[in-house]
């Protein structure tokens, strides 16, 4: 899966591992490969945050009223 482009965080979630190091051992990857994979995940998340709207209408109001 990792070789097919699935990011390691997704694999971690699919396998149910609490710690990324468990996934690393299971996939037999080096610390350097793990660092590169996680850097890609963090960069994609950062890009998503930057491209997301500042707030979604109605979400704060619903939380404040207990709904």
C-alpha atoms as a PDB file:
ATOM      1  CA  UNK A   1       0.000   0.000   0.000  1.00  0.00           C
ATOM      2  CA  UNK A   2       2.764   2.424   0.917  1.00  0.00           C
ATOM      3  CA  UNK A   3       4.478   1.753  -2.412  1.00  0.00           C
ATOM      4  CA  UNK A   4       1.184   2.523  -4.184  1.00  0.00           C
ATOM      5  CA  UNK A   5       1.089   6.013  -2.658  1.00  0.00           C
ATOM      6  CA  UNK A   6      -1.141   5.496   0.386  1.00  0.00           C
ATOM      7  CA  UNK A   7       0.214   7.694   3.165  1.00  0.00           C
ATOM      8  CA  UNK A   8       1.518   6.034   6.301  1.00  0.00           C
ATOM      9  CA  UNK A   9      -0.987   7.792   8.580  1.00  0.00           C
ATOM     10  CA  UNK A  10      -3.852   6.214   6.632  1.00  0.00           C
ATOM     11  CA  UNK A  11      -2.193   2.803   6.919  1.00  0.00           C
ATOM     12  CA  UNK A  12      -1.732   3.383  10.660  1.00  0.00           C
ATOM     13  CA  UNK A  13      -5.435   4.112  11.072  1.00  0.00           C
ATOM     14  CA  UNK A  14      -6.453   1.116   8.960  1.00  0.00           C
ATOM     15  CA  UNK A  15      -4.276  -1.224  11.038  1.00  0.00           C
ATOM     16  CA  UNK A  16      -5.498   0.265  14.316  1.00  0.00           C
ATOM     17  CA  UNK A  17      -2.026   1.126  15.578  1.00  0.00           C
ATOM     18  CA  UNK A  18      -1.926   3.684  18.389  1.00  0.00           C
ATOM     19  CA  UNK A  19       1.710   4.564  17.685  1.00  0.00           C
ATOM     20  CA  UNK A  20       3.226   5.291  14.271  1.00  0.00           C
ATOM     21  CA  UNK A  21       6.295   3.271  15.357  1.00  0.00           C
ATOM     22  CA  UNK A  22       4.132   0.118  15.379  1.00  0.00           C
ATOM     23  CA  UNK A  23       3.211   0.785  11.764  1.00  0.00           C
ATOM     24  CA  UNK A  24       6.831   1.506  10.928  1.00  0.00           C
ATOM     25  CA  UNK A  25       7.903  -1.883  12.314  1.00  0.00           C
ATOM     26  CA  UNK A  26       5.059  -3.655  10.520  1.00  0.00           C
ATOM     27  CA  UNK A  27       5.946  -2.034   7.190  1.00  0.00           C
ATOM     28  CA  UNK A  28       9.669  -2.605   7.698  1.00  0.00           C
ATOM     29  CA  UNK A  29      10.658   0.967   6.875  1.00  0.00           C
ATOM     30  CA  UNK A  30      13.585   3.017   8.139  1.00  0.00           C
ATOM     31  CA  UNK A  31      13.401   6.120  10.320  1.00  0.00           C
ATOM     32  CA  UNK A  32      14.334   8.228   7.278  1.00  0.00           C
ATOM     33  CA  UNK A  33      11.499   6.734   5.204  1.00  0.00           C
ATOM     34  CA  UNK A  34       9.093   7.357   8.091  1.00  0.00           C
ATOM     35  CA  UNK A  35      10.245  10.975   8.376  1.00  0.00           C
ATOM     36  CA  UNK A  36       9.724  11.548   4.640  1.00  0.00           C
ATOM     37  CA  UNK A  37       6.294   9.913   4.723  1.00  0.00           C
ATOM     38  CA  UNK A  38       5.141  11.937   7.726  1.00  0.00           C
ATOM     39  CA  UNK A  39       6.494  15.163   6.228  1.00  0.00           C
ATOM     40  CA  UNK A  40       4.235  14.541   3.237  1.00  0.00           C
ATOM     41  CA  UNK A  41       1.230  13.960   5.502  1.00  0.00           C
ATOM     42  CA  UNK A  42       1.930  17.123   7.488  1.00  0.00           C
ATOM     43  CA  UNK A  43       2.402  19.163   4.325  1.00  0.00           C
ATOM     44  CA  UNK A  44      -0.917  17.932   2.867  1.00  0.00           C
ATOM     45  CA  UNK A  45      -2.715  18.766   6.127  1.00  0.00           C
ATOM     46  CA  UNK A  46      -1.140  22.221   6.166  1.00  0.00           C
ATOM     47  CA  UNK A  47      -2.262  22.832   2.591  1.00  0.00           C
ATOM     48  CA  UNK A  48      -5.800  21.707   3.458  1.00  0.00           C
ATOM     49  CA  UNK A  49      -5.919  24.082   6.423  1.00  0.00           C
ATOM     50  CA  UNK A  50      -4.673  26.968   4.283  1.00  0.00           C
ATOM     51  CA  UNK A  51      -7.219  26.292   1.550  1.00  0.00           C
ATOM     52  CA  UNK A  52     -10.175  25.698   3.926  1.00  0.00           C
ATOM     53  CA  UNK A  53     -12.561  28.570   4.668  1.00  0.00           C
ATOM     54  CA  UNK A  54     -11.908  30.342   7.988  1.00  0.00           C
ATOM     55  CA  UNK A  55     -15.170  29.110   9.495  1.00  0.00           C
ATOM     56  CA  UNK A  56     -18.235  27.243   8.392  1.00  0.00           C
ATOM     57  CA  UNK A  57     -21.532  29.044   8.874  1.00  0.00           C
ATOM     58  CA  UNK A  58     -23.675  27.695  11.664  1.00  0.00           C
ATOM     59  CA  UNK A  59     -21.145  25.363  13.283  1.00  0.00           C
ATOM     60  CA  UNK A  60     -20.221  27.676  16.158  1.00  0.00           C
ATOM     61  CA  UNK A  61     -23.850  28.625  16.791  1.00  0.00           C
ATOM     62  CA  UNK A  62     -24.954  24.988  17.038  1.00  0.00           C
ATOM     63  CA  UNK A  63     -22.174  24.181  19.533  1.00  0.00           C
ATOM     64  CA  UNK A  64     -22.941  27.232  21.669  1.00  0.00           C
ATOM     65  CA  UNK A  65     -26.634  26.340  21.941  1.00  0.00           C
ATOM     66  CA  UNK A  66     -25.843  22.706  22.811  1.00  0.00           C
ATOM     67  CA  UNK A  67     -27.194  21.193  19.602  1.00  0.00           C
END
